[in-house]
Amino acid sequence: MYKKALRSVAIIVSREGASRNALLAAKGCLRENGKLILCLSDKDLNELIHIKEKGEQPTAEFFEAMLDDILIHLEK
């Protein structure tokens, strides 16, 4: 996520998802530096696969909901 390379979004995938401290760090990074870190778990990946297979909704809506949740709960 180098500033000169204009990288402002990262997606981190882990087996069990992010810990409480990891989520706090990601929110702090967004608040202080404007860099978005999305933390996905195996459960999230499975949900994305099911959404894609069934064609229920675009997978972009999944990420929009995740981003909305992050922004709503972002402290000042």
PDB file of N, CA and C in Angstrom:
ATOM      1  N   MET A   1       0.822  -1.168   0.000  1.00  0.00           N
ATOM      2  CA  MET A   1       0.000   0.000   0.000  1.00  0.00           C
ATOM      3  C   MET A   1       0.875   1.244   0.000  1.00  0.00           C
ATOM      4  N   TYR A   2       1.713   1.324  -1.010  1.00  0.00           N
ATOM      5  CA  TYR A   2       2.623   2.451  -1.125  1.00  0.00           C
ATOM      6  C   TYR A   2       1.914   3.660  -1.722  1.00  0.00           C
ATOM      7  N   LYS A   3       2.168   4.825  -1.151  1.00  0.00           N
ATOM      8  CA  LYS A   3       1.506   6.046  -1.607  1.00  0.00           C
ATOM      9  C   LYS A   3       1.892   6.396  -3.046  1.00  0.00           C
ATOM     10  N   LYS A   4       3.155   6.224  -3.388  1.00  0.00           N
ATOM     11  CA  LYS A   4       3.608   6.573  -4.733  1.00  0.00           C
ATOM     12  C   LYS A   4       2.985   5.667  -5.793  1.00  0.00           C
ATOM     13  N   ALA A   5       2.681   4.440  -5.436  1.00  0.00           N
ATOM     14  CA  ALA A   5       2.088   3.499  -6.389  1.00  0.00           C
ATOM     15  C   ALA A   5       0.562   3.608  -6.409  1.00  0.00           C
ATOM     16  N   LEU A   6       0.013   4.530  -5.625  1.00  0.00           N
ATOM     17  CA  LEU A   6      -1.428   4.777  -5.550  1.00  0.00           C
ATOM     18  C   LEU A   6      -2.206   3.535  -5.130  1.00  0.00           C
ATOM     19  N   ARG A   7      -1.625   2.768  -4.239  1.00  0.00           N
ATOM     20  CA  ARG A   7      -2.313   1.593  -3.712  1.00  0.00           C
ATOM     21  C   ARG A   7      -2.986   1.981  -2.404  1.00  0.00           C
ATOM     22  N   SER A   8      -4.303   1.997  -2.426  1.00  0.00           N
ATOM     23  CA  SER A   8      -5.014   2.417  -1.218  1.00  0.00           C
ATOM     24  C   SER A   8      -6.011   1.375  -0.726  1.00  0.00           C
ATOM     25  N   VAL A   9      -6.021   0.196  -1.347  1.00  0.00           N
ATOM     26  CA  VAL A   9      -6.927  -0.865  -0.928  1.00  0.00           C
ATOM     27  C   VAL A   9      -6.152  -2.167  -0.824  1.00  0.00           C
ATOM     28  N   ALA A  10      -6.406  -2.908   0.260  1.00  0.00           N
ATOM     29  CA  ALA A  10      -5.800  -4.225   0.440  1.00  0.00           C
ATOM     30  C   ALA A  10      -6.882  -5.194   0.879  1.00  0.00           C
ATOM     31  N   ILE A  11      -6.780  -6.429   0.413  1.00  0.00           N
ATOM     32  CA  ILE A  11      -7.693  -7.484   0.833  1.00  0.00           C
ATOM     33  C   ILE A  11      -6.855  -8.564   1.486  1.00  0.00           C
ATOM     34  N   ILE A  12      -7.174  -8.843   2.737  1.00  0.00           N
ATOM     35  CA  ILE A  12      -6.442  -9.853   3.494  1.00  0.00           C
ATOM     36  C   ILE A  12      -7.389 -11.024   3.739  1.00  0.00           C
ATOM     37  N   VAL A  13      -6.925 -12.227   3.386  1.00  0.00           N
ATOM     38  CA  VAL A  13      -7.728 -13.430   3.570  1.00  0.00           C
ATOM     39  C   VAL A  13      -7.061 -14.288   4.637  1.00  0.00           C
ATOM     40  N   SER A  14      -7.880 -14.696   5.618  1.00  0.00           N
ATOM     41  CA  SER A  14      -7.369 -15.576   6.661  1.00  0.00           C
ATOM     42  C   SER A  14      -8.420 -16.637   6.967  1.00  0.00           C
ATOM     43  N   ARG A  15      -7.991 -17.713   7.551  1.00  0.00           N
ATOM     44  CA  ARG A  15      -8.893 -18.837   7.838  1.00  0.00           C
ATOM     45  C   ARG A  15     -10.086 -18.433   8.687  1.00  0.00           C
ATOM     46  N   GLU A  16      -9.844 -17.778   9.797  1.00  0.00           N
ATOM     47  CA  GLU A  16     -10.901 -17.485  10.768  1.00  0.00           C
ATOM     48  C   GLU A  16     -11.313 -16.026  10.769  1.00  0.00           C
ATOM     49  N   GLY A  17     -10.804 -15.240   9.870  1.00  0.00           N
ATOM     50  CA  GLY A  17     -11.143 -13.826   9.844  1.00  0.00           C
ATOM     51  C   GLY A  17     -10.210 -13.021  10.733  1.00  0.00           C
ATOM     52  N   ALA A  18     -10.441 -11.747  10.761  1.00  0.00           N
ATOM     53  CA  ALA A  18      -9.575 -10.840  11.511  1.00  0.00           C
ATOM     54  C   ALA A  18      -9.927 -10.851  12.992  1.00  0.00           C
ATOM     55  N   SER A  19      -8.913 -10.700  13.804  1.00  0.00           N
ATOM     56  CA  SER A  19      -9.139 -10.579  15.244  1.00  0.00           C
ATOM     57  C   SER A  19      -9.663  -9.167  15.546  1.00  0.00           C
ATOM     58  N   ARG A  20     -10.085  -8.978  16.753  1.00  0.00           N
ATOM     59  CA  ARG A  20     -10.588  -7.662  17.169  1.00  0.00           C
ATOM     60  C   ARG A  20      -9.519  -6.594  16.985  1.00  0.00           C
ATOM     61  N   ASN A  21      -8.295  -6.911  17.366  1.00  0.00           N
ATOM     62  CA  ASN A  21      -7.200  -5.943  17.234  1.00  0.00           C
ATOM     63  C   ASN A  21      -6.876  -5.650  15.773  1.00  0.00           C
ATOM     64  N   ALA A  22      -6.977  -6.651  14.922  1.00  0.00           N
ATOM     65  CA  ALA A  22      -6.723  -6.436  13.492  1.00  0.00           C
ATOM     66  C   ALA A  22      -7.776  -5.507  12.900  1.00  0.00           C
ATOM     67  N   LEU A  23      -9.023  -5.686  13.306  1.00  0.00           N
ATOM     68  CA  LEU A  23     -10.085  -4.803  12.818  1.00  0.00           C
ATOM     69  C   LEU A  23      -9.887  -3.377  13.303  1.00  0.00           C
ATOM     70  N   LEU A  24      -9.456  -3.225  14.552  1.00  0.00           N
ATOM     71  CA  LEU A  24      -9.163  -1.880  15.070  1.00  0.00           C
ATOM     72  C   LEU A  24      -8.024  -1.228  14.296  1.00  0.00           C
ATOM     73  N   ALA A  25      -7.005  -2.012  13.958  1.00  0.00           N
ATOM     74  CA  ALA A  25      -5.874  -1.482  13.184  1.00  0.00           C
ATOM     75  C   ALA A  25      -6.324  -1.082  11.781  1.00  0.00           C
ATOM     76  N   ALA A  26      -7.182  -1.894  11.164  1.00  0.00           N
ATOM     77  CA  ALA A  26      -7.677  -1.581   9.820  1.00  0.00           C
ATOM     78  C   ALA A  26      -8.512  -0.301   9.836  1.00  0.00           C
ATOM     79  N   LYS A  27      -9.345  -0.148  10.862  1.00  0.00           N
ATOM     80  CA  LYS A  27     -10.141   1.079  10.976  1.00  0.00           C
ATOM     81  C   LYS A  27      -9.252   2.289  11.212  1.00  0.00           C
ATOM     82  N   GLY A  28      -8.218   2.135  12.019  1.00  0.00           N
ATOM     83  CA  GLY A  28      -7.277   3.221  12.259  1.00  0.00           C
ATOM     84  C   GLY A  28      -6.539   3.621  11.004  1.00  0.00           C
ATOM     85  N   CYS A  29      -6.175   2.645  10.208  1.00  0.00           N
ATOM     86  CA  CYS A  29      -5.481   2.919   8.944  1.00  0.00           C
ATOM     87  C   CYS A  29      -6.392   3.687   7.984  1.00  0.00           C
ATOM     88  N   LEU A  30      -7.658   3.301   7.945  1.00  0.00           N
ATOM     89  CA  LEU A  30      -8.615   4.010   7.088  1.00  0.00           C
ATOM     90  C   LEU A  30      -8.814   5.435   7.571  1.00  0.00           C
ATOM     91  N   ARG A  31      -8.987   5.592   8.867  1.00  0.00           N
ATOM     92  CA  ARG A  31      -9.250   6.910   9.442  1.00  0.00           C
ATOM     93  C   ARG A  31      -8.051   7.849   9.295  1.00  0.00           C
ATOM     94  N   GLU A  32      -6.843   7.347   9.553  1.00  0.00           N
ATOM     95  CA  GLU A  32      -5.667   8.211   9.579  1.00  0.00           C
ATOM     96  C   GLU A  32      -5.000   8.390   8.221  1.00  0.00           C
ATOM     97  N   ASN A  33      -5.021   7.347   7.386  1.00  0.00           N
ATOM     98  CA  ASN A  33      -4.286   7.403   6.124  1.00  0.00           C
ATOM     99  C   ASN A  33      -5.154   7.281   4.883  1.00  0.00           C
ATOM    100  N   GLY A  34      -6.440   6.984   5.065  1.00  0.00           N
ATOM    101  CA  GLY A  34      -7.324   6.821   3.920  1.00  0.00           C
ATOM    102  C   GLY A  34      -7.079   5.539   3.153  1.00  0.00           C
ATOM    103  N   LYS A  35      -6.503   4.542   3.818  1.00  0.00           N
ATOM    104  CA  LYS A  35      -6.219   3.260   3.165  1.00  0.00           C
ATOM    105  C   LYS A  35      -7.187   2.215   3.701  1.00  0.00           C
ATOM    106  N   LEU A  36      -7.852   1.522   2.773  1.00  0.00           N
ATOM    107  CA  LEU A  36      -8.883   0.552   3.135  1.00  0.00           C
ATOM    108  C   LEU A  36      -8.288  -0.851   3.168  1.00  0.00           C
ATOM    109  N   ILE A  37      -8.497  -1.542   4.274  1.00  0.00           N
ATOM    110  CA  ILE A  37      -8.073  -2.932   4.416  1.00  0.00           C
ATOM    111  C   ILE A  37      -9.323  -3.760   4.679  1.00  0.00           C
ATOM    112  N   LEU A  38      -9.663  -4.652   3.738  1.00  0.00           N
ATOM    113  CA  LEU A  38     -10.786  -5.560   3.906  1.00  0.00           C
ATOM    114  C   LEU A  38     -10.258  -6.900   4.381  1.00  0.00           C
ATOM    115  N   CYS A  39     -10.836  -7.419   5.438  1.00  0.00           N
ATOM    116  CA  CYS A  39     -10.406  -8.692   6.006  1.00  0.00           C
ATOM    117  C   CYS A  39     -11.471  -9.741   5.723  1.00  0.00           C
ATOM    118  N   LEU A  40     -11.122 -10.750   4.930  1.00  0.00           N
ATOM    119  CA  LEU A  40     -12.048 -11.812   4.566  1.00  0.00           C
ATOM    120  C   LEU A  40     -11.664 -13.114   5.252  1.00  0.00           C
ATOM    121  N   SER A  41     -12.665 -13.909   5.570  1.00  0.00           N
ATOM    122  CA  SER A  41     -12.442 -15.223   6.163  1.00  0.00           C
ATOM    123  C   SER A  41     -12.842 -16.298   5.154  1.00  0.00           C
ATOM    124  N   ASP A  42     -12.605 -17.555   5.507  1.00  0.00           N
ATOM    125  CA  ASP A  42     -13.046 -18.660   4.658  1.00  0.00           C
ATOM    126  C   ASP A  42     -14.559 -18.620   4.469  1.00  0.00           C
ATOM    127  N   LYS A  43     -15.266 -18.246   5.528  1.00  0.00           N
ATOM    128  CA  LYS A  43     -16.725 -18.153   5.461  1.00  0.00           C
ATOM    129  C   LYS A  43     -17.152 -17.115   4.423  1.00  0.00           C
ATOM    130  N   ASP A  44     -16.464 -15.972   4.400  1.00  0.00           N
ATOM    131  CA  ASP A  44     -16.772 -14.932   3.416  1.00  0.00           C
ATOM    132  C   ASP A  44     -16.516 -15.424   1.992  1.00  0.00           C
ATOM    133  N   LEU A  45     -15.409 -16.143   1.799  1.00  0.00           N
ATOM    134  CA  LEU A  45     -15.093 -16.667   0.472  1.00  0.00           C
ATOM    135  C   LEU A  45     -16.131 -17.685   0.020  1.00  0.00           C
ATOM    136  N   ASN A  46     -16.567 -18.541   0.944  1.00  0.00           N
ATOM    137  CA  ASN A  46     -17.616 -19.509   0.605  1.00  0.00           C
ATOM    138  C   ASN A  46     -18.911 -18.803   0.223  1.00  0.00           C
ATOM    139  N   GLU A  47     -19.247 -17.748   0.946  1.00  0.00           N
ATOM    140  CA  GLU A  47     -20.451 -16.983   0.632  1.00  0.00           C
ATOM    141  C   GLU A  47     -20.344 -16.342  -0.746  1.00  0.00           C
ATOM    142  N   LEU A  48     -19.170 -15.811  -1.079  1.00  0.00           N
ATOM    143  CA  LEU A  48     -18.959 -15.229  -2.405  1.00  0.00           C
ATOM    144  C   LEU A  48     -19.110 -16.273  -3.502  1.00  0.00           C
ATOM    145  N   ILE A  49     -18.605 -17.474  -3.259  1.00  0.00           N
ATOM    146  CA  ILE A  49     -18.729 -18.557  -4.241  1.00  0.00           C
ATOM    147  C   ILE A  49     -20.195 -18.929  -4.440  1.00  0.00           C
ATOM    148  N   HIS A  50     -20.949 -19.046  -3.357  1.00  0.00           N
ATOM    149  CA  HIS A  50     -22.368 -19.386  -3.457  1.00  0.00           C
ATOM    150  C   HIS A  50     -23.148 -18.291  -4.181  1.00  0.00           C
ATOM    151  N   ILE A  51     -22.819 -17.048  -3.906  1.00  0.00           N
ATOM    152  CA  ILE A  51     -23.480 -15.926  -4.593  1.00  0.00           C
ATOM    153  C   ILE A  51     -23.213 -16.015  -6.088  1.00  0.00           C
ATOM    154  N   LYS A  52     -21.974 -16.293  -6.447  1.00  0.00           N
ATOM    155  CA  LYS A  52     -21.591 -16.369  -7.857  1.00  0.00           C
ATOM    156  C   LYS A  52     -22.265 -17.554  -8.540  1.00  0.00           C
ATOM    157  N   GLU A  53     -22.307 -18.702  -7.850  1.00  0.00           N
ATOM    158  CA  GLU A  53     -22.926 -19.896  -8.440  1.00  0.00           C
ATOM    159  C   GLU A  53     -24.417 -19.712  -8.679  1.00  0.00           C
ATOM    160  N   LYS A  54     -25.098 -19.127  -7.701  1.00  0.00           N
ATOM    161  CA  LYS A  54     -26.548 -18.971  -7.800  1.00  0.00           C
ATOM    162  C   LYS A  54     -26.951 -17.751  -8.611  1.00  0.00           C
ATOM    163  N   GLY A  55     -26.049 -16.815  -8.777  1.00  0.00           N
ATOM    164  CA  GLY A  55     -26.360 -15.603  -9.522  1.00  0.00           C
ATOM    165  C   GLY A  55     -27.397 -14.737  -8.829  1.00  0.00           C
ATOM    166  N   GLU A  56     -27.484 -14.849  -7.501  1.00  0.00           N
ATOM    167  CA  GLU A  56     -28.479 -14.111  -6.738  1.00  0.00           C
ATOM    168  C   GLU A  56     -28.282 -12.606  -6.812  1.00  0.00           C
ATOM    169  N   GLN A  57     -27.079 -12.185  -6.592  1.00  0.00           N
ATOM    170  CA  GLN A  57     -26.758 -10.760  -6.585  1.00  0.00           C
ATOM    171  C   GLN A  57     -25.326 -10.621  -7.091  1.00  0.00           C
ATOM    172  N   PRO A  58     -24.991  -9.476  -7.604  1.00  0.00           N
ATOM    173  CA  PRO A  58     -23.586  -9.282  -7.990  1.00  0.00           C
ATOM    174  C   PRO A  58     -22.682  -9.353  -6.752  1.00  0.00           C
ATOM    175  N   THR A  59     -21.502  -9.919  -6.909  1.00  0.00           N
ATOM    176  CA  THR A  59     -20.587 -10.012  -5.771  1.00  0.00           C
ATOM    177  C   THR A  59     -20.169  -8.632  -5.287  1.00  0.00           C
ATOM    178  N   ALA A  60     -20.301  -7.624  -6.140  1.00  0.00           N
ATOM    179  CA  ALA A  60     -19.964  -6.257  -5.730  1.00  0.00           C
ATOM    180  C   ALA A  60     -20.847  -5.808  -4.578  1.00  0.00           C
ATOM    181  N   GLU A  61     -22.085  -6.285  -4.539  1.00  0.00           N
ATOM    182  CA  GLU A  61     -22.984  -5.913  -3.443  1.00  0.00           C
ATOM    183  C   GLU A  61     -22.479  -6.460  -2.110  1.00  0.00           C
ATOM    184  N   PHE A  62     -21.840  -7.618  -2.133  1.00  0.00           N
ATOM    185  CA  PHE A  62     -21.257  -8.196  -0.925  1.00  0.00           C
ATOM    186  C   PHE A  62     -20.192  -7.248  -0.364  1.00  0.00           C
ATOM    187  N   PHE A  63     -19.318  -6.768  -1.255  1.00  0.00           N
ATOM    188  CA  PHE A  63     -18.264  -5.858  -0.813  1.00  0.00           C
ATOM    189  C   PHE A  63     -18.814  -4.494  -0.420  1.00  0.00           C
ATOM    190  N   GLU A  64     -19.861  -4.042  -1.097  1.00  0.00           N
ATOM    191  CA  GLU A  64     -20.498  -2.777  -0.719  1.00  0.00           C
ATOM    192  C   GLU A  64     -21.063  -2.858   0.693  1.00  0.00           C
ATOM    193  N   ALA A  65     -21.707  -3.975   1.014  1.00  0.00           N
ATOM    194  CA  ALA A  65     -22.262  -4.159   2.354  1.00  0.00           C
ATOM    195  C   ALA A  65     -21.146  -4.187   3.390  1.00  0.00           C
ATOM    196  N   MET A  66     -20.040  -4.834   3.063  1.00  0.00           N
ATOM    197  CA  MET A  66     -18.901  -4.900   3.979  1.00  0.00           C
ATOM    198  C   MET A  66     -18.321  -3.501   4.203  1.00  0.00           C
ATOM    199  N   LEU A  67     -18.184  -2.739   3.129  1.00  0.00           N
ATOM    200  CA  LEU A  67     -17.651  -1.384   3.224  1.00  0.00           C
ATOM    201  C   LEU A  67     -18.598  -0.478   4.008  1.00  0.00           C
ATOM    202  N   ASP A  68     -19.905  -0.607   3.762  1.00  0.00           N
ATOM    203  CA  ASP A  68     -20.879   0.180   4.515  1.00  0.00           C
ATOM    204  C   ASP A  68     -20.768  -0.094   6.005  1.00  0.00           C
ATOM    205  N   ASP A  69     -20.626  -1.367   6.363  1.00  0.00           N
ATOM    206  CA  ASP A  69     -20.496  -1.733   7.769  1.00  0.00           C
ATOM    207  C   ASP A  69     -19.250  -1.108   8.391  1.00  0.00           C
ATOM    208  N   ILE A  70     -18.154  -1.118   7.651  1.00  0.00           N
ATOM    209  CA  ILE A  70     -16.908  -0.518   8.155  1.00  0.00           C
ATOM    210  C   ILE A  70     -17.087   0.993   8.358  1.00  0.00           C
ATOM    211  N   LEU A  71     -17.671   1.651   7.378  1.00  0.00           N
ATOM    212  CA  LEU A  71     -17.813   3.103   7.450  1.00  0.00           C
ATOM    213  C   LEU A  71     -18.813   3.532   8.523  1.00  0.00           C
ATOM    214  N   ILE A  72     -19.871   2.764   8.698  1.00  0.00           N
ATOM    215  CA  ILE A  72     -20.873   3.105   9.710  1.00  0.00           C
ATOM    216  C   ILE A  72     -20.277   3.023  11.103  1.00  0.00           C
ATOM    217  N   HIS A  73     -19.421   2.038  11.327  1.00  0.00           N
ATOM    218  CA  HIS A  73     -18.855   1.822  12.652  1.00  0.00           C
ATOM    219  C   HIS A  73     -17.483   2.486  12.840  1.00  0.00           C
ATOM    220  N   LEU A  74     -17.106   3.347  11.930  1.00  0.00           N
ATOM    221  CA  LEU A  74     -15.819   4.035  12.017  1.00  0.00           C
ATOM    222  C   LEU A  74     -15.929   5.209  12.999  1.00  0.00           C
ATOM    223  N   GLU A  75     -15.109   5.182  14.028  1.00  0.00           N
ATOM    224  CA  GLU A  75     -15.115   6.271  15.007  1.00  0.00           C
ATOM    225  C   GLU A  75     -14.297   7.433  14.478  1.00  0.00           C
ATOM    226  N   LYS A  76     -14.547   8.602  15.031  1.00  0.00           N
ATOM    227  CA  LYS A  76     -13.798   9.797  14.602  1.00  0.00           C
ATOM    228  C   LYS A  76     -12.537   9.953  15.388  1.00  0.00           C
TER     229      LYS A  76
END
